Amino acid sequence: MQTVDGSLPAIFDLARQRSLSVTSSRLELQPPPENPRSFELWLQHAAGRILFQDVRNYALERIQPEAAADVRAAAVKAIDDAVYGLMRVIDGVSGAIANDTHAVELSVTVKLRDRKAQGVIAQKDLGDGDGMCMGYHDWIDGRFGEDVVAIPK
């Protein structure tokens, strides 16, 4: 996929600007909001930020820089489709194996931990949240909620 002038679409420039090599461990967590609803959303956005930093960006970094524009575009689409598929599994839209008596499904929990006391302050099963699929559409554009989750260290 190329623009009319033959340059790469904006997604490639955006990907480079987002510091792809920065994993979530190189981000500094910002204080959570005090409002309970804002806190719940912040925690879910934090999970999205981790997944996008450590899963999506990891895959984007592995696209060969010398690949033709159409190959790169196809690779980006495949990565984004796979990440969206993961969001569907986390949301419980898909991803269960069942029979008449049993079912196996995944559960992904996001936790806010106190590093000094080594305890869990709060946790949320993402399948019971507002929807990872809904968050995906903002996260893919680099928007991780109204309350800042993290900044580069």
N, C-alpha and C. Protein backbone atom coordinates (compact mmCIF):
# COMPACT_ATOMS: atom_id res chain seq x y z
N MET A 1 0.84 -1.16 0.00
CA MET A 1 0.00 0.00 0.00
C MET A 1 0.89 1.23 0.00
N GLN A 2 0.70 2.09 -0.99
CA GLN A 2 1.45 3.34 -1.08
C GLN A 2 0.48 4.48 -1.32
N THR A 3 0.92 5.68 -0.96
CA THR A 3 0.10 6.84 -1.25
C THR A 3 0.28 7.19 -2.72
N VAL A 4 -0.47 8.16 -3.20
CA VAL A 4 -0.42 8.55 -4.61
C VAL A 4 0.99 8.93 -5.03
N ASP A 5 1.74 9.59 -4.15
CA ASP A 5 3.10 10.01 -4.50
C ASP A 5 4.13 8.90 -4.31
N GLY A 6 3.70 7.69 -3.93
CA GLY A 6 4.61 6.56 -3.78
C GLY A 6 5.22 6.42 -2.41
N SER A 7 4.90 7.34 -1.50
CA SER A 7 5.46 7.24 -0.14
C SER A 7 4.65 6.24 0.68
N LEU A 8 5.19 5.87 1.82
CA LEU A 8 4.50 4.93 2.70
C LEU A 8 3.37 5.64 3.43
N PRO A 9 2.30 4.92 3.73
CA PRO A 9 1.20 5.53 4.49
C PRO A 9 1.66 6.01 5.86
N ALA A 10 0.86 6.87 6.45
CA ALA A 10 1.21 7.49 7.73
C ALA A 10 1.44 6.46 8.83
N ILE A 11 0.82 5.28 8.75
CA ILE A 11 0.98 4.27 9.81
C ILE A 11 2.45 3.94 10.04
N PHE A 12 3.25 3.94 8.99
CA PHE A 12 4.66 3.61 9.15
C PHE A 12 5.41 4.71 9.86
N ASP A 13 5.09 5.96 9.57
CA ASP A 13 5.71 7.07 10.27
C ASP A 13 5.26 7.09 11.73
N LEU A 14 3.97 6.84 11.95
CA LEU A 14 3.46 6.82 13.32
C LEU A 14 4.14 5.73 14.14
N ALA A 15 4.32 4.58 13.54
CA ALA A 15 4.95 3.46 14.25
C ALA A 15 6.36 3.85 14.69
N ARG A 16 7.11 4.47 13.82
CA ARG A 16 8.47 4.87 14.16
C ARG A 16 8.47 5.94 15.24
N GLN A 17 7.51 6.88 15.19
CA GLN A 17 7.45 7.95 16.18
C GLN A 17 7.08 7.43 17.55
N ARG A 18 6.45 6.30 17.63
CA ARG A 18 6.00 5.77 18.91
C ARG A 18 7.08 5.01 19.65
N SER A 19 8.31 5.14 19.23
CA SER A 19 9.43 4.48 19.90
C SER A 19 9.18 3.00 20.07
N LEU A 20 9.14 2.31 18.97
CA LEU A 20 8.77 0.90 18.98
C LEU A 20 9.65 0.05 19.90
N SER A 21 10.91 0.41 20.03
CA SER A 21 11.80 -0.42 20.83
C SER A 21 11.58 -0.23 22.34
N VAL A 22 10.71 0.68 22.72
CA VAL A 22 10.43 0.89 24.13
C VAL A 22 9.38 -0.12 24.58
N THR A 23 9.79 -1.03 25.47
CA THR A 23 8.82 -1.97 26.03
C THR A 23 8.16 -1.33 27.24
N SER A 24 7.12 -1.95 27.72
CA SER A 24 6.41 -1.37 28.86
C SER A 24 7.31 -1.24 30.09
N SER A 25 8.32 -2.07 30.20
CA SER A 25 9.23 -1.97 31.35
C SER A 25 10.06 -0.69 31.32
N ARG A 26 10.08 -0.02 30.18
CA ARG A 26 10.84 1.23 30.07
C ARG A 26 9.92 2.45 30.13
N LEU A 27 8.70 2.22 30.58
CA LEU A 27 7.76 3.31 30.80
C LEU A 27 7.61 3.53 32.30
N GLU A 28 7.29 4.75 32.68
CA GLU A 28 7.05 5.06 34.09
C GLU A 28 5.56 5.21 34.31
N LEU A 29 5.02 4.36 35.17
CA LEU A 29 3.61 4.40 35.50
C LEU A 29 3.28 5.73 36.17
N GLN A 30 2.17 6.31 35.77
CA GLN A 30 1.71 7.56 36.37
C GLN A 30 0.68 7.25 37.45
N PRO A 31 0.49 8.16 38.39
CA PRO A 31 -0.47 7.91 39.48
C PRO A 31 -1.88 7.67 38.93
N PRO A 32 -2.58 6.69 39.51
CA PRO A 32 -3.95 6.44 39.06
C PRO A 32 -4.89 7.54 39.53
N PRO A 33 -5.97 7.74 38.79
CA PRO A 33 -6.96 8.73 39.23
C PRO A 33 -7.69 8.24 40.48
N GLU A 34 -8.21 9.18 41.26
CA GLU A 34 -8.90 8.83 42.50
C GLU A 34 -10.36 8.45 42.28
N ASN A 35 -11.00 9.02 41.28
CA ASN A 35 -12.39 8.71 40.99
C ASN A 35 -12.51 7.22 40.64
N PRO A 36 -13.41 6.47 41.29
CA PRO A 36 -13.49 5.02 41.07
C PRO A 36 -13.71 4.62 39.60
N ARG A 37 -14.60 5.31 38.90
CA ARG A 37 -14.85 4.96 37.49
C ARG A 37 -13.63 5.29 36.64
N SER A 38 -13.03 6.44 36.86
CA SER A 38 -11.82 6.81 36.12
C SER A 38 -10.69 5.83 36.40
N PHE A 39 -10.60 5.38 37.65
CA PHE A 39 -9.58 4.40 38.02
C PHE A 39 -9.78 3.09 37.28
N GLU A 40 -11.02 2.63 37.21
CA GLU A 40 -11.33 1.38 36.51
C GLU A 40 -10.95 1.47 35.03
N LEU A 41 -11.27 2.58 34.40
CA LEU A 41 -10.90 2.79 32.99
C LEU A 41 -9.38 2.90 32.84
N TRP A 42 -8.74 3.60 33.75
CA TRP A 42 -7.28 3.77 33.72
C TRP A 42 -6.59 2.41 33.77
N LEU A 43 -7.07 1.53 34.63
CA LEU A 43 -6.49 0.20 34.76
C LEU A 43 -6.63 -0.59 33.46
N GLN A 44 -7.78 -0.48 32.81
CA GLN A 44 -7.99 -1.17 31.53
C GLN A 44 -7.12 -0.57 30.43
N HIS A 45 -6.98 0.75 30.43
CA HIS A 45 -6.09 1.41 29.45
C HIS A 45 -4.63 1.02 29.70
N ALA A 46 -4.27 0.82 30.97
CA ALA A 46 -2.91 0.37 31.28
C ALA A 46 -2.66 -1.01 30.67
N ALA A 47 -3.65 -1.89 30.76
CA ALA A 47 -3.52 -3.21 30.14
C ALA A 47 -3.35 -3.07 28.63
N GLY A 48 -4.14 -2.20 28.02
CA GLY A 48 -4.01 -1.97 26.58
C GLY A 48 -2.64 -1.43 26.22
N ARG A 49 -2.14 -0.52 27.04
CA ARG A 49 -0.81 0.06 26.78
C ARG A 49 0.27 -1.01 26.81
N ILE A 50 0.19 -1.90 27.79
CA ILE A 50 1.17 -2.99 27.88
C ILE A 50 1.08 -3.90 26.65
N LEU A 51 -0.13 -4.28 26.27
CA LEU A 51 -0.30 -5.16 25.11
C LEU A 51 0.20 -4.50 23.83
N PHE A 52 -0.08 -3.22 23.67
CA PHE A 52 0.36 -2.54 22.45
C PHE A 52 1.87 -2.32 22.45
N GLN A 53 2.45 -1.98 23.59
CA GLN A 53 3.90 -1.79 23.67
C GLN A 53 4.64 -3.10 23.45
N ASP A 54 4.19 -4.15 24.11
CA ASP A 54 4.97 -5.38 24.16
C ASP A 54 4.55 -6.45 23.16
N VAL A 55 3.38 -6.36 22.60
CA VAL A 55 2.93 -7.33 21.60
C VAL A 55 2.92 -6.70 20.21
N ARG A 56 2.09 -5.68 20.02
CA ARG A 56 1.95 -5.07 18.69
C ARG A 56 3.27 -4.45 18.23
N ASN A 57 3.88 -3.64 19.08
CA ASN A 57 5.11 -2.97 18.67
C ASN A 57 6.25 -3.96 18.46
N TYR A 58 6.28 -5.03 19.25
CA TYR A 58 7.28 -6.09 19.04
C TYR A 58 7.16 -6.64 17.63
N ALA A 59 5.95 -6.93 17.21
CA ALA A 59 5.73 -7.48 15.87
C ALA A 59 6.05 -6.44 14.79
N LEU A 60 5.64 -5.19 15.00
CA LEU A 60 5.92 -4.15 14.01
C LEU A 60 7.42 -3.96 13.80
N GLU A 61 8.18 -4.06 14.87
CA GLU A 61 9.64 -3.89 14.76
C GLU A 61 10.28 -4.96 13.89
N ARG A 62 9.63 -6.10 13.76
CA ARG A 62 10.21 -7.20 13.01
C ARG A 62 9.90 -7.17 11.52
N ILE A 63 9.13 -6.18 11.07
CA ILE A 63 8.91 -6.01 9.64
C ILE A 63 10.21 -5.47 9.05
N GLN A 64 10.69 -6.14 8.05
CA GLN A 64 11.95 -5.74 7.43
C GLN A 64 11.83 -4.33 6.85
N PRO A 65 12.74 -3.42 7.21
CA PRO A 65 12.66 -2.04 6.72
C PRO A 65 12.75 -1.95 5.20
N GLU A 66 13.43 -2.90 4.59
CA GLU A 66 13.58 -2.86 3.13
C GLU A 66 12.43 -3.52 2.39
N ALA A 67 11.43 -4.01 3.11
CA ALA A 67 10.29 -4.65 2.47
C ALA A 67 9.52 -3.64 1.63
N ALA A 68 8.98 -4.13 0.52
CA ALA A 68 8.18 -3.27 -0.36
C ALA A 68 6.98 -2.74 0.41
N ALA A 69 6.49 -1.59 0.01
CA ALA A 69 5.39 -0.93 0.71
C ALA A 69 4.17 -1.83 0.82
N ASP A 70 3.84 -2.57 -0.24
CA ASP A 70 2.65 -3.42 -0.17
C ASP A 70 2.86 -4.60 0.79
N VAL A 71 4.08 -5.09 0.87
CA VAL A 71 4.40 -6.17 1.81
C VAL A 71 4.32 -5.64 3.24
N ARG A 72 4.87 -4.45 3.47
CA ARG A 72 4.81 -3.84 4.80
C ARG A 72 3.36 -3.60 5.22
N ALA A 73 2.56 -3.08 4.28
CA ALA A 73 1.15 -2.81 4.58
C ALA A 73 0.41 -4.11 4.93
N ALA A 74 0.69 -5.17 4.21
CA ALA A 74 0.06 -6.46 4.50
C ALA A 74 0.51 -6.98 5.86
N ALA A 75 1.78 -6.78 6.19
CA ALA A 75 2.29 -7.22 7.49
C ALA A 75 1.63 -6.44 8.62
N VAL A 76 1.50 -5.14 8.47
CA VAL A 76 0.85 -4.31 9.49
C VAL A 76 -0.60 -4.74 9.67
N LYS A 77 -1.29 -4.98 8.57
CA LYS A 77 -2.69 -5.42 8.66
C LYS A 77 -2.78 -6.77 9.38
N ALA A 78 -1.89 -7.69 9.07
CA ALA A 78 -1.90 -9.00 9.72
C ALA A 78 -1.63 -8.86 11.22
N ILE A 79 -0.69 -8.01 11.59
CA ILE A 79 -0.39 -7.77 13.01
C ILE A 79 -1.60 -7.19 13.71
N ASP A 80 -2.20 -6.17 13.10
CA ASP A 80 -3.36 -5.53 13.72
C ASP A 80 -4.54 -6.48 13.83
N ASP A 81 -4.74 -7.33 12.82
CA ASP A 81 -5.81 -8.33 12.88
C ASP A 81 -5.55 -9.34 13.99
N ALA A 82 -4.30 -9.75 14.15
CA ALA A 82 -3.96 -10.71 15.22
C ALA A 82 -4.17 -10.08 16.60
N VAL A 83 -3.77 -8.84 16.77
CA VAL A 83 -3.97 -8.15 18.05
C VAL A 83 -5.47 -8.02 18.33
N TYR A 84 -6.24 -7.69 17.32
CA TYR A 84 -7.69 -7.58 17.51
C TYR A 84 -8.28 -8.94 17.88
N GLY A 85 -7.78 -10.00 17.26
CA GLY A 85 -8.22 -11.35 17.62
C GLY A 85 -7.93 -11.66 19.08
N LEU A 86 -6.77 -11.23 19.57
CA LEU A 86 -6.44 -11.40 20.97
C LEU A 86 -7.42 -10.62 21.86
N MET A 87 -7.79 -9.41 21.45
CA MET A 87 -8.76 -8.62 22.21
C MET A 87 -10.10 -9.35 22.28
N ARG A 88 -10.50 -10.01 21.18
CA ARG A 88 -11.76 -10.78 21.16
C ARG A 88 -11.72 -11.93 22.16
N VAL A 89 -10.56 -12.59 22.26
CA VAL A 89 -10.42 -13.69 23.22
C VAL A 89 -10.48 -13.15 24.64
N ILE A 90 -9.77 -12.04 24.91
CA ILE A 90 -9.78 -11.44 26.24
C ILE A 90 -11.20 -11.02 26.63
N ASP A 91 -11.96 -10.48 25.68
CA ASP A 91 -13.33 -10.05 25.95
C ASP A 91 -14.30 -11.22 26.11
N GLY A 92 -13.89 -12.41 25.70
CA GLY A 92 -14.78 -13.57 25.78
C GLY A 92 -15.70 -13.72 24.59
N VAL A 93 -15.46 -12.94 23.53
CA VAL A 93 -16.25 -13.05 22.31
C VAL A 93 -15.95 -14.38 21.62
N SER A 94 -14.71 -14.80 21.71
CA SER A 94 -14.28 -16.09 21.17
C SER A 94 -13.28 -16.68 22.15
N GLY A 95 -12.78 -17.87 21.86
CA GLY A 95 -11.71 -18.41 22.66
C GLY A 95 -12.10 -19.41 23.73
N ALA A 96 -13.25 -20.05 23.61
CA ALA A 96 -13.63 -21.07 24.58
C ALA A 96 -13.78 -22.41 23.86
N ILE A 97 -13.36 -23.46 24.54
CA ILE A 97 -13.57 -24.81 24.05
C ILE A 97 -14.51 -25.48 25.04
N ALA A 98 -15.61 -26.04 24.54
CA ALA A 98 -16.61 -26.59 25.47
C ALA A 98 -17.23 -27.88 24.94
N ASN A 99 -17.80 -28.60 25.87
CA ASN A 99 -18.65 -29.74 25.54
C ASN A 99 -19.91 -29.62 26.38
N ASP A 100 -20.68 -30.67 26.51
CA ASP A 100 -21.94 -30.59 27.27
C ASP A 100 -21.74 -30.34 28.76
N THR A 101 -20.58 -30.70 29.28
CA THR A 101 -20.39 -30.61 30.73
C THR A 101 -19.29 -29.67 31.19
N HIS A 102 -18.36 -29.31 30.30
CA HIS A 102 -17.23 -28.48 30.72
C HIS A 102 -16.89 -27.44 29.66
N ALA A 103 -16.16 -26.44 30.10
CA ALA A 103 -15.65 -25.43 29.18
C ALA A 103 -14.27 -24.98 29.66
N VAL A 104 -13.43 -24.68 28.72
CA VAL A 104 -12.11 -24.10 29.01
C VAL A 104 -12.07 -22.75 28.32
N GLU A 105 -11.75 -21.73 29.09
CA GLU A 105 -11.64 -20.39 28.53
C GLU A 105 -10.50 -19.66 29.22
N LEU A 106 -10.06 -18.60 28.60
CA LEU A 106 -8.97 -17.80 29.16
C LEU A 106 -9.53 -16.66 30.00
N SER A 107 -8.77 -16.28 30.99
CA SER A 107 -9.10 -15.13 31.80
C SER A 107 -7.82 -14.31 31.95
N VAL A 108 -7.89 -13.05 31.60
CA VAL A 108 -6.74 -12.16 31.70
C VAL A 108 -7.08 -11.08 32.72
N THR A 109 -6.23 -10.95 33.71
CA THR A 109 -6.46 -10.00 34.78
C THR A 109 -5.38 -8.92 34.77
N VAL A 110 -5.78 -7.68 34.94
CA VAL A 110 -4.83 -6.59 35.10
C VAL A 110 -4.80 -6.26 36.59
N LYS A 111 -3.60 -6.04 37.12
CA LYS A 111 -3.43 -5.78 38.55
C LYS A 111 -2.60 -4.53 38.76
N LEU A 112 -2.99 -3.76 39.76
CA LEU A 112 -2.17 -2.66 40.24
C LEU A 112 -1.53 -3.16 41.52
N ARG A 113 -0.21 -3.19 41.54
CA ARG A 113 0.53 -3.73 42.69
C ARG A 113 1.24 -2.60 43.44
N ASP A 114 1.38 -2.81 44.73
CA ASP A 114 2.19 -1.94 45.57
C ASP A 114 3.57 -2.59 45.62
N ARG A 115 4.56 -1.95 45.02
CA ARG A 115 5.89 -2.56 44.92
C ARG A 115 6.60 -2.66 46.25
N LYS A 116 6.31 -1.75 47.17
CA LYS A 116 6.97 -1.80 48.49
C LYS A 116 6.36 -2.87 49.36
N ALA A 117 5.05 -2.88 49.47
CA ALA A 117 4.36 -3.86 50.31
C ALA A 117 4.21 -5.21 49.60
N GLN A 118 4.50 -5.23 48.31
CA GLN A 118 4.39 -6.43 47.48
C GLN A 118 3.00 -7.04 47.53
N GLY A 119 2.01 -6.18 47.49
CA GLY A 119 0.63 -6.65 47.51
C GLY A 119 -0.15 -6.08 46.34
N VAL A 120 -1.31 -6.65 46.10
CA VAL A 120 -2.19 -6.19 45.03
C VAL A 120 -3.14 -5.14 45.62
N ILE A 121 -3.15 -3.97 45.00
CA ILE A 121 -4.02 -2.87 45.42
C ILE A 121 -5.40 -3.04 44.78
N ALA A 122 -5.39 -3.39 43.50
CA ALA A 122 -6.65 -3.56 42.76
C ALA A 122 -6.39 -4.51 41.60
N GLN A 123 -7.44 -5.19 41.18
CA GLN A 123 -7.34 -6.05 40.00
C GLN A 123 -8.68 -6.11 39.30
N LYS A 124 -8.62 -6.39 38.01
CA LYS A 124 -9.84 -6.45 37.19
C LYS A 124 -9.66 -7.53 36.15
N ASP A 125 -10.64 -8.43 36.07
CA ASP A 125 -10.68 -9.40 34.98
C ASP A 125 -11.09 -8.63 33.74
N LEU A 126 -10.24 -8.60 32.74
CA LEU A 126 -10.51 -7.79 31.56
C LEU A 126 -11.74 -8.26 30.78
N GLY A 127 -12.12 -9.51 30.97
CA GLY A 127 -13.34 -10.01 30.35
C GLY A 127 -14.59 -9.39 30.94
N ASP A 128 -14.47 -8.81 32.13
CA ASP A 128 -15.59 -8.14 32.80
C ASP A 128 -15.48 -6.62 32.68
N GLY A 129 -14.60 -6.15 31.81
CA GLY A 129 -14.38 -4.71 31.68
C GLY A 129 -15.25 -4.08 30.62
N ASP A 130 -14.82 -2.91 30.19
CA ASP A 130 -15.58 -2.16 29.19
C ASP A 130 -15.38 -2.69 27.78
N GLY A 131 -14.42 -3.54 27.60
CA GLY A 131 -14.21 -4.16 26.29
C GLY A 131 -12.87 -3.80 25.70
N MET A 132 -12.02 -4.80 25.62
CA MET A 132 -10.71 -4.60 25.00
C MET A 132 -10.86 -4.29 23.52
N CYS A 133 -11.88 -4.85 22.88
CA CYS A 133 -12.13 -4.55 21.46
C CYS A 133 -12.48 -3.08 21.28
N MET A 134 -13.22 -2.52 22.23
CA MET A 134 -13.57 -1.10 22.14
C MET A 134 -12.33 -0.25 22.34
N GLY A 135 -11.50 -0.60 23.33
CA GLY A 135 -10.28 0.15 23.59
C GLY A 135 -9.31 0.09 22.42
N TYR A 136 -9.28 -1.03 21.75
CA TYR A 136 -8.37 -1.26 20.61
C TYR A 136 -8.41 -0.10 19.62
N HIS A 137 -9.60 0.39 19.31
CA HIS A 137 -9.75 1.41 18.27
C HIS A 137 -9.10 2.74 18.66
N ASP A 138 -8.99 3.02 19.94
CA ASP A 138 -8.25 4.19 20.39
C ASP A 138 -6.77 3.87 20.52
N TRP A 139 -6.49 2.70 21.09
CA TRP A 139 -5.10 2.32 21.34
C TRP A 139 -4.28 2.24 20.07
N ILE A 140 -4.89 1.79 18.99
CA ILE A 140 -4.15 1.67 17.73
C ILE A 140 -3.69 3.04 17.24
N ASP A 141 -4.39 4.09 17.69
CA ASP A 141 -4.01 5.46 17.34
C ASP A 141 -3.19 6.12 18.45
N GLY A 142 -2.77 5.33 19.44
CA GLY A 142 -1.92 5.87 20.50
C GLY A 142 -2.66 6.60 21.60
N ARG A 143 -3.97 6.43 21.68
CA ARG A 143 -4.77 7.09 22.72
C ARG A 143 -5.12 6.07 23.80
N PHE A 144 -4.60 6.28 25.01
CA PHE A 144 -4.78 5.35 26.11
C PHE A 144 -5.56 5.98 27.26
N GLY A 145 -6.64 6.64 26.93
CA GLY A 145 -7.54 7.19 27.94
C GLY A 145 -7.27 8.63 28.29
N GLU A 146 -8.21 9.20 29.05
CA GLU A 146 -8.11 10.60 29.46
C GLU A 146 -7.05 10.80 30.53
N ASP A 147 -6.89 9.83 31.41
CA ASP A 147 -5.88 9.92 32.48
C ASP A 147 -4.62 9.21 32.02
N VAL A 148 -3.51 9.91 32.04
CA VAL A 148 -2.23 9.37 31.54
C VAL A 148 -1.86 8.11 32.31
N VAL A 149 -1.57 7.05 31.57
CA VAL A 149 -1.18 5.78 32.17
C VAL A 149 0.32 5.74 32.44
N ALA A 150 1.11 6.10 31.43
CA ALA A 150 2.56 5.98 31.54
C ALA A 150 3.25 6.97 30.62
N ILE A 151 4.48 7.30 30.98
CA ILE A 151 5.34 8.15 30.14
C ILE A 151 6.68 7.46 30.00
N PRO A 152 7.44 7.77 28.94
CA PRO A 152 8.78 7.19 28.83
C PRO A 152 9.66 7.61 30.00
N LYS A 153 10.50 6.67 30.47
CA LYS A 153 11.42 6.99 31.58
C LYS A 153 12.51 7.90 31.10
